[in-house]
Amino acid sequence: MNRRKNVATFVLLAIAIPFVVIVGALVFKERYYAFVSLCVAFLSCIPLFYAFERRESSSKELAVLAVMIAISVCGRFIFSFLPGFKPVTAITVICAVYLGKEAGFVVGSLSAVVSNFYFGQGPWTPFQMFAWGFLGFIAGLLCSPLKKSRAALCIYGAFAGIAFSLLMDVWATLWADGAFNLQRYAALAVSAIPLTVEYVVSNVIFLLLLSNPIGEKLERIKNKYGLFAV
């Protein structure tokens, strides 16, 4: 049962959601983002809702996720004067490592859409939702080494910074050409190197600063109340 659930979760979060995002960008053009953002938010929550249906602690788990999303969003507000320096990825990764891959996806994707009510919704929103959510999902799959080794955590933070930039360059390419243009994508990736470096540095710094204090509290809450059981 757990294996089938894991396969279904992977197909939903790693295949269905990016498919919806890409098709939305190509089909709906300028006004697609509101509908696609709603679809991504709904799809990202399905694995959690399925798990919650079978547990009595679902309301407490939702409360924990809501708090973590709020912290992530507030962190993005606080560092808004530095475009590439934000704690969203770090908090998403920490949630995934300690609460599970589904929780990581939800925190990442909903942090994007909620914070964009302040920063501005647009065609970039579904891509941000998928990028942050998917990075959280992968972190959840790698939770054991990331929890045990700060070096591994920093390496993943650096990878996440590069991956986020490259994923957002896909949106910029589709938006400019209406199709994927490899030459434009390469040019955008090269021109974004300074911002990508900022992403990498901020992820590593925030993971080093936040992983222990937040991780310990999440572990304590999870063990004390029996939350996010596999």
Protein backbone atom coordinates (compact mmCIF):
# COMPACT_ATOMS: atom_id res chain seq x y z
CA MET A 1 0.00 0.00 0.00
CA ASN A 2 2.77 2.44 0.97
CA ARG A 3 4.68 1.66 -2.21
CA ARG A 4 1.64 2.33 -4.37
CA LYS A 5 1.00 5.54 -2.44
CA ASN A 6 4.61 6.66 -2.98
CA VAL A 7 4.43 5.92 -6.70
CA ALA A 8 1.13 7.79 -7.00
CA THR A 9 2.57 10.74 -5.08
CA PHE A 10 5.64 10.86 -7.32
CA VAL A 11 3.55 10.71 -10.49
CA LEU A 12 1.28 13.47 -9.20
CA LEU A 13 3.94 15.86 -7.91
CA ALA A 14 6.79 15.18 -10.33
CA ILE A 15 4.86 14.52 -13.56
CA ALA A 16 1.25 15.74 -13.42
CA ILE A 17 1.99 19.15 -11.91
CA PRO A 18 4.83 20.13 -14.29
CA PHE A 19 2.64 18.92 -17.17
CA VAL A 20 -0.17 21.21 -16.02
CA VAL A 21 2.26 24.14 -15.64
CA ILE A 22 3.83 23.71 -19.09
CA VAL A 23 0.54 23.11 -20.90
CA GLY A 24 -0.99 26.08 -19.12
CA ALA A 25 1.85 28.32 -20.22
CA LEU A 26 1.53 27.23 -23.84
CA VAL A 27 -2.27 27.11 -24.12
CA PHE A 28 -3.66 29.87 -21.89
CA LYS A 29 -0.92 32.44 -22.61
CA GLU A 30 -1.28 35.75 -20.74
CA ARG A 31 -4.19 34.89 -18.47
CA TYR A 32 -3.40 31.28 -17.71
CA TYR A 33 -1.64 31.77 -14.41
CA ALA A 34 -4.63 32.17 -12.07
CA PHE A 35 -6.24 28.91 -13.20
CA VAL A 36 -2.95 27.00 -13.29
CA SER A 37 -1.91 28.30 -9.86
CA LEU A 38 -5.19 27.01 -8.44
CA CYS A 39 -4.65 23.62 -10.12
CA VAL A 40 -1.10 23.34 -8.77
CA ALA A 41 -2.21 24.28 -5.26
CA PHE A 42 -5.01 21.70 -5.37
CA LEU A 43 -2.86 18.91 -6.83
CA SER A 44 -0.03 19.54 -4.37
CA CYS A 45 -2.41 19.07 -1.44
CA ILE A 46 -3.96 15.79 -2.62
CA PRO A 47 -1.30 13.47 -1.08
CA LEU A 48 -1.64 15.24 2.27
CA PHE A 49 -5.43 15.15 2.21
CA TYR A 50 -5.30 11.42 1.43
CA ALA A 51 -3.04 10.82 4.40
CA PHE A 52 -5.06 13.12 6.68
CA GLU A 53 -8.25 11.21 5.94
CA ARG A 54 -6.82 8.24 7.81
CA ARG A 55 -5.49 10.09 10.87
CA GLU A 56 -7.06 11.89 13.81
CA SER A 57 -4.21 14.41 14.03
CA SER A 58 -4.86 16.03 10.65
CA SER A 59 -5.92 19.41 12.06
CA LYS A 60 -2.70 19.65 14.10
CA GLU A 61 -0.62 18.76 11.06
CA LEU A 62 -2.38 21.41 8.99
CA ALA A 63 -1.71 23.93 11.75
CA VAL A 64 2.02 23.08 11.71
CA LEU A 65 2.17 23.45 7.92
CA ALA A 66 0.28 26.76 8.08
CA VAL A 67 2.79 28.11 10.60
CA MET A 68 5.75 27.01 8.46
CA ILE A 69 4.20 28.59 5.35
CA ALA A 70 3.65 31.81 7.32
CA ILE A 71 7.29 31.82 8.47
CA SER A 72 8.46 31.24 4.90
CA VAL A 73 6.26 34.03 3.54
CA CYS A 74 7.35 36.47 6.27
CA GLY A 75 10.98 35.63 5.54
CA ARG A 76 10.46 36.49 1.89
CA PHE A 77 8.89 39.82 2.92
CA ILE A 78 11.75 40.69 5.27
CA PHE A 79 14.42 40.10 2.63
CA SER A 80 12.44 41.57 -0.26
CA PHE A 81 15.11 44.23 -0.81
CA LEU A 82 17.48 41.42 -1.92
CA PRO A 83 15.73 39.62 -4.84
CA GLY A 84 17.79 36.41 -4.68
CA PHE A 85 18.35 36.29 -0.94
CA LYS A 86 15.38 34.64 0.73
CA PRO A 87 14.75 31.79 3.21
CA VAL A 88 11.90 30.13 1.28
CA THR A 89 13.98 27.28 -0.12
CA ALA A 90 15.70 26.64 3.21
CA ILE A 91 12.44 26.46 5.16
CA THR A 92 10.90 24.26 2.47
CA VAL A 93 13.86 21.88 2.62
CA ILE A 94 13.81 21.74 6.43
CA CYS A 95 10.09 20.95 6.43
CA ALA A 96 10.62 18.21 3.87
CA VAL A 97 13.49 16.65 5.81
CA TYR A 98 11.61 16.55 9.12
CA LEU A 99 7.95 16.31 8.06
CA GLY A 100 8.10 14.40 4.77
CA LYS A 101 8.27 15.01 1.05
CA GLU A 102 4.56 15.81 0.67
CA ALA A 103 4.78 18.43 3.41
CA GLY A 104 7.85 19.90 1.71
CA PHE A 105 6.01 20.22 -1.58
CA VAL A 106 3.02 21.90 0.05
CA VAL A 107 5.12 24.38 2.04
CA GLY A 108 7.17 25.31 -1.03
CA SER A 109 4.30 25.66 -3.48
CA LEU A 110 1.93 27.51 -1.16
CA SER A 111 4.70 29.82 0.08
CA ALA A 112 5.05 31.00 -3.52
CA VAL A 113 1.39 31.67 -4.20
CA VAL A 114 0.67 33.25 -0.79
CA SER A 115 3.69 35.58 -0.85
CA ASN A 116 2.87 36.63 -4.40
CA PHE A 117 -0.30 38.29 -3.15
CA TYR A 118 2.19 40.89 -1.94
CA PHE A 119 4.91 40.60 -4.61
CA GLY A 120 2.42 40.24 -7.46
CA GLN A 121 0.73 37.28 -9.12
CA GLY A 122 1.60 36.53 -12.71
CA PRO A 123 2.55 33.83 -15.20
CA TRP A 124 5.68 33.18 -13.13
CA THR A 125 3.63 32.06 -10.10
CA PRO A 126 2.90 28.44 -11.19
CA PHE A 127 6.57 27.97 -12.06
CA GLN A 128 7.64 29.29 -8.66
CA MET A 129 5.09 27.01 -7.02
CA PHE A 130 6.42 23.99 -8.86
CA ALA A 131 10.10 24.92 -8.44
CA TRP A 132 9.96 25.45 -4.67
CA GLY A 133 7.56 22.55 -4.19
CA PHE A 134 9.61 20.10 -6.22
CA LEU A 135 12.83 21.07 -4.46
CA GLY A 136 11.05 20.31 -1.20
CA PHE A 137 9.83 16.99 -2.57
CA ILE A 138 13.35 15.93 -3.58
CA ALA A 139 14.69 17.01 -0.18
CA GLY A 140 12.10 14.75 1.43
CA LEU A 141 13.33 11.81 -0.63
CA LEU A 142 16.88 12.55 0.57
CA CYS A 143 15.85 13.22 4.17
CA SER A 144 18.19 10.69 5.81
CA PRO A 145 21.54 12.05 4.50
CA LEU A 146 20.33 15.66 4.71
CA LYS A 147 19.35 15.22 8.36
CA LYS A 148 22.61 13.54 9.34
CA SER A 149 25.14 15.70 7.47
CA ARG A 150 25.35 19.49 7.40
CA ALA A 151 27.74 19.18 4.45
CA ALA A 152 25.11 17.25 2.49
CA LEU A 153 22.53 19.85 3.48
CA CYS A 154 24.73 22.67 2.18
CA ILE A 155 25.41 20.80 -1.05
CA TYR A 156 21.68 20.34 -1.55
CA GLY A 157 21.12 24.03 -0.79
CA ALA A 158 23.61 24.94 -3.52
CA PHE A 159 21.95 22.51 -5.93
CA ALA A 160 18.52 23.94 -5.06
CA GLY A 161 19.71 27.47 -5.84
CA ILE A 162 20.94 26.44 -9.28
CA ALA A 163 17.87 24.30 -9.98
CA PHE A 164 15.45 27.07 -8.99
CA SER A 165 17.14 29.52 -11.35
CA LEU A 166 17.16 27.03 -14.23
CA LEU A 167 13.50 26.13 -13.70
CA MET A 168 12.49 29.80 -13.70
CA ASP A 169 14.46 30.30 -16.93
CA VAL A 170 12.11 27.76 -18.52
CA TRP A 171 9.21 30.10 -17.74
CA ALA A 172 11.07 33.11 -19.15
CA THR A 173 11.83 31.21 -22.37
CA LEU A 174 8.24 30.01 -22.84
CA TRP A 175 6.90 33.48 -22.07
CA ALA A 176 9.21 35.14 -24.62
CA ASP A 177 8.81 32.68 -27.50
CA GLY A 178 5.62 30.72 -26.83
CA ALA A 179 7.74 27.58 -27.16
CA PHE A 180 10.99 26.25 -25.77
CA ASN A 181 13.94 27.90 -27.52
CA LEU A 182 17.23 26.32 -26.44
CA GLN A 183 19.36 29.27 -27.54
CA ARG A 184 17.27 31.77 -25.59
CA TYR A 185 17.22 29.43 -22.59
CA ALA A 186 21.03 29.19 -22.63
CA ALA A 187 21.34 32.97 -22.92
CA LEU A 188 18.95 33.50 -20.01
CA ALA A 189 20.78 30.95 -17.88
CA VAL A 190 24.12 32.65 -18.50
CA SER A 191 22.76 36.15 -17.87
CA ALA A 192 21.19 34.95 -14.60
CA ILE A 193 24.48 33.65 -13.15
CA PRO A 194 24.90 36.53 -10.64
CA LEU A 195 21.37 36.00 -9.32
CA THR A 196 21.89 32.23 -9.29
CA VAL A 197 25.01 32.68 -7.16
CA GLU A 198 22.92 34.80 -4.78
CA TYR A 199 20.34 32.00 -4.59
CA VAL A 200 23.07 29.48 -3.79
CA VAL A 201 24.69 31.61 -1.10
CA SER A 202 21.37 32.47 0.56
CA ASN A 203 20.24 28.84 0.62
CA VAL A 204 23.47 27.68 2.26
CA ILE A 205 23.42 30.51 4.82
CA PHE A 206 19.78 30.02 5.79
CA LEU A 207 20.13 26.24 6.00
CA LEU A 208 23.15 26.59 8.29
CA LEU A 209 21.32 29.11 10.48
CA LEU A 210 17.86 27.54 10.56
CA SER A 211 18.22 23.79 10.14
CA ASN A 212 19.07 23.02 13.77
CA PRO A 213 16.66 25.35 15.64
CA ILE A 214 13.68 24.76 13.35
CA GLY A 215 14.49 21.10 12.77
CA GLU A 216 14.72 20.36 16.50
CA LYS A 217 11.37 22.02 17.15
CA LEU A 218 9.68 20.17 14.30
CA GLU A 219 11.15 16.87 15.51
CA ARG A 220 9.94 17.56 19.04
CA ILE A 221 6.43 18.47 17.89
CA LYS A 222 6.28 15.43 15.60
CA ASN A 223 7.35 13.03 18.33
CA LYS A 224 5.28 14.59 21.12
CA TYR A 225 1.99 14.63 19.23
CA GLY A 226 2.60 11.72 16.85
CA LEU A 227 2.30 13.89 13.75
CA PHE A 228 3.29 13.19 10.15
CA ALA A 229 3.60 9.46 10.72
CA VAL A 230 4.46 7.50 7.60
